C-alpha atoms as a PDB file:
ATOM      1  CA  UNK A   1      44.993 -14.744 -63.017  1.00  0.00           C
ATOM      2  CA  UNK A   2      42.922 -15.607 -66.195  1.00  0.00           C
ATOM      3  CA  UNK A   3      41.598 -12.714 -68.505  1.00  0.00           C
ATOM      4  CA  UNK A   4      38.097 -13.339 -67.161  1.00  0.00           C
ATOM      5  CA  UNK A   5      39.169 -12.700 -63.661  1.00  0.00           C
ATOM      6  CA  UNK A   6      40.928  -9.536 -64.750  1.00  0.00           C
ATOM      7  CA  UNK A   7      37.958  -8.379 -66.525  1.00  0.00           C
ATOM      8  CA  UNK A   8      35.601  -9.120 -63.509  1.00  0.00           C
ATOM      9  CA  UNK A   9      38.052  -7.074 -61.243  1.00  0.00           C
ATOM     10  CA  UNK A  10      38.405  -4.237 -63.567  1.00  0.00           C
ATOM     11  CA  UNK A  11      34.561  -4.094 -63.664  1.00  0.00           C
ATOM     12  CA  UNK A  12      34.212  -3.982 -60.122  1.00  0.00           C
ATOM     13  CA  UNK A  13      36.825  -1.351 -59.861  1.00  0.00           C
ATOM     14  CA  UNK A  14      35.166   1.172 -62.170  1.00  0.00           C
ATOM     15  CA  UNK A  15      31.682   0.493 -60.553  1.00  0.00           C
ATOM     16  CA  UNK A  16      29.555   1.583 -63.604  1.00  0.00           C
ATOM     17  CA  UNK A  17      26.574   0.776 -61.756  1.00  0.00           C
ATOM     18  CA  UNK A  18      27.272   3.244 -58.876  1.00  0.00           C
ATOM     19  CA  UNK A  19      25.862   6.321 -60.722  1.00  0.00           C
ATOM     20  CA  UNK A  20      22.728   4.538 -61.946  1.00  0.00           C
ATOM     21  CA  UNK A  21      21.586   3.043 -58.774  1.00  0.00           C
ATOM     22  CA  UNK A  22      17.946   2.290 -58.185  1.00  0.00           C
ATOM     23  CA  UNK A  23      18.167   3.066 -54.606  1.00  0.00           C
ATOM     24  CA  UNK A  24      20.707   6.055 -54.246  1.00  0.00           C
ATOM     25  CA  UNK A  25      22.942   6.294 -51.089  1.00  0.00           C
ATOM     26  CA  UNK A  26      22.948   7.632 -48.353  1.00  0.00           C
ATOM     27  CA  UNK A  27      20.150   5.551 -46.785  1.00  0.00           C
ATOM     28  CA  UNK A  28      18.475   6.902 -43.584  1.00  0.00           C
ATOM     29  CA  UNK A  29      16.298   5.504 -40.743  1.00  0.00           C
ATOM     30  CA  UNK A  30      12.944   7.119 -39.688  1.00  0.00           C
ATOM     31  CA  UNK A  31      11.094   5.917 -36.761  1.00  0.00           C
ATOM     32  CA  UNK A  32       7.229   5.807 -36.811  1.00  0.00           C
ATOM     33  CA  UNK A  33       4.677   4.889 -34.249  1.00  0.00           C
ATOM     34  CA  UNK A  34       5.250   1.034 -34.348  1.00  0.00           C
ATOM     35  CA  UNK A  35       8.069   0.838 -36.864  1.00  0.00           C
ATOM     36  CA  UNK A  36      11.347   2.001 -38.412  1.00  0.00           C
ATOM     37  CA  UNK A  37      11.410   2.663 -42.167  1.00  0.00           C
ATOM     38  CA  UNK A  38      14.648   2.709 -44.093  1.00  0.00           C
ATOM     39  CA  UNK A  39      14.626   5.180 -46.913  1.00  0.00           C
ATOM     40  CA  UNK A  40      16.929   6.063 -49.935  1.00  0.00           C
ATOM     41  CA  UNK A  41      18.204   9.464 -50.571  1.00  0.00           C
ATOM     42  CA  UNK A  42      15.373  10.273 -52.900  1.00  0.00           C
ATOM     43  CA  UNK A  43      12.916   9.313 -49.895  1.00  0.00           C
ATOM     44  CA  UNK A  44      11.623   6.091 -51.405  1.00  0.00           C
ATOM     45  CA  UNK A  45      10.991   3.642 -48.554  1.00  0.00           C
ATOM     46  CA  UNK A  46      13.008   0.480 -48.828  1.00  0.00           C
ATOM     47  CA  UNK A  47      11.656  -1.512 -45.917  1.00  0.00           C
ATOM     48  CA  UNK A  48       9.778  -1.329 -42.835  1.00  0.00           C
ATOM     49  CA  UNK A  49      10.658  -2.929 -39.555  1.00  0.00           C
ATOM     50  CA  UNK A  50       7.602  -3.430 -37.375  1.00  0.00           C
ATOM     51  CA  UNK A  51       8.049  -3.713 -33.567  1.00  0.00           C
ATOM     52  CA  UNK A  52       5.782  -4.578 -30.675  1.00  0.00           C
ATOM     53  CA  UNK A  53       5.123  -1.406 -28.657  1.00  0.00           C
ATOM     54  CA  UNK A  54       3.557  -3.177 -25.817  1.00  0.00           C
ATOM     55  CA  UNK A  55       5.484  -6.460 -25.123  1.00  0.00           C
ATOM     56  CA  UNK A  56       3.416  -9.189 -23.392  1.00  0.00           C
ATOM     57  CA  UNK A  57       0.022  -8.140 -24.654  1.00  0.00           C
ATOM     58  CA  UNK A  58      -1.629 -11.229 -26.065  1.00  0.00           C
ATOM     59  CA  UNK A  59      -0.134 -11.011 -29.617  1.00  0.00           C
ATOM     60  CA  UNK A  60      -0.309 -14.291 -31.421  1.00  0.00           C
ATOM     61  CA  UNK A  61       2.832 -13.436 -33.617  1.00  0.00           C
ATOM     62  CA  UNK A  62       6.186 -12.672 -32.050  1.00  0.00           C
ATOM     63  CA  UNK A  63       7.241  -9.283 -33.280  1.00  0.00           C
ATOM     64  CA  UNK A  64      10.718  -7.492 -32.967  1.00  0.00           C
ATOM     65  CA  UNK A  65      11.408  -5.592 -29.841  1.00  0.00           C
ATOM     66  CA  UNK A  66      11.898  -1.769 -30.450  1.00  0.00           C
ATOM     67  CA  UNK A  67      15.731  -2.111 -30.005  1.00  0.00           C
ATOM     68  CA  UNK A  68      15.984  -5.154 -32.337  1.00  0.00           C
ATOM     69  CA  UNK A  69      14.138  -3.422 -34.978  1.00  0.00           C
ATOM     70  CA  UNK A  70      16.190  -0.161 -34.591  1.00  0.00           C
ATOM     71  CA  UNK A  71      19.502  -2.245 -34.588  1.00  0.00           C
ATOM     72  CA  UNK A  72      18.365  -4.181 -37.823  1.00  0.00           C
ATOM     73  CA  UNK A  73      17.272  -0.859 -39.515  1.00  0.00           C
ATOM     74  CA  UNK A  74      20.520   0.919 -38.649  1.00  0.00           C
ATOM     75  CA  UNK A  75      22.599  -1.903 -40.235  1.00  0.00           C
ATOM     76  CA  UNK A  76      20.457  -2.089 -43.350  1.00  0.00           C
ATOM     77  CA  UNK A  77      20.925   1.607 -43.913  1.00  0.00           C
ATOM     78  CA  UNK A  78      24.765   1.027 -43.838  1.00  0.00           C
ATOM     79  CA  UNK A  79      24.680  -1.483 -46.761  1.00  0.00           C
ATOM     80  CA  UNK A  80      25.423   0.877 -49.545  1.00  0.00           C
ATOM     81  CA  UNK A  81      28.560   2.201 -47.740  1.00  0.00           C
ATOM     82  CA  UNK A  82      29.745  -1.347 -47.247  1.00  0.00           C
ATOM     83  CA  UNK A  83      29.053  -2.311 -50.846  1.00  0.00           C
ATOM     84  CA  UNK A  84      31.062   0.884 -52.208  1.00  0.00           C
ATOM     85  CA  UNK A  85      33.997  -0.101 -49.774  1.00  0.00           C
ATOM     86  CA  UNK A  86      34.706  -3.248 -51.490  1.00  0.00           C
END
């Protein structure tokens, strides 16, 4: 292992960025009328996943189903834990 690889491994182990994150964990999922929103610990909305409340009712664009949006939002909310586990 080179010195550079050792330095990178040590930097990852210390994770100095963990305390100064822009989007602090834990992230949560909240359901709105036609979307799910993923929020960080401070309540900041990180993403909205819009789903179609009335499937098959003349929409031009294909939106996510409610279940698809819920599953994606749930997986996005798990990202901080996955990154900290490495």
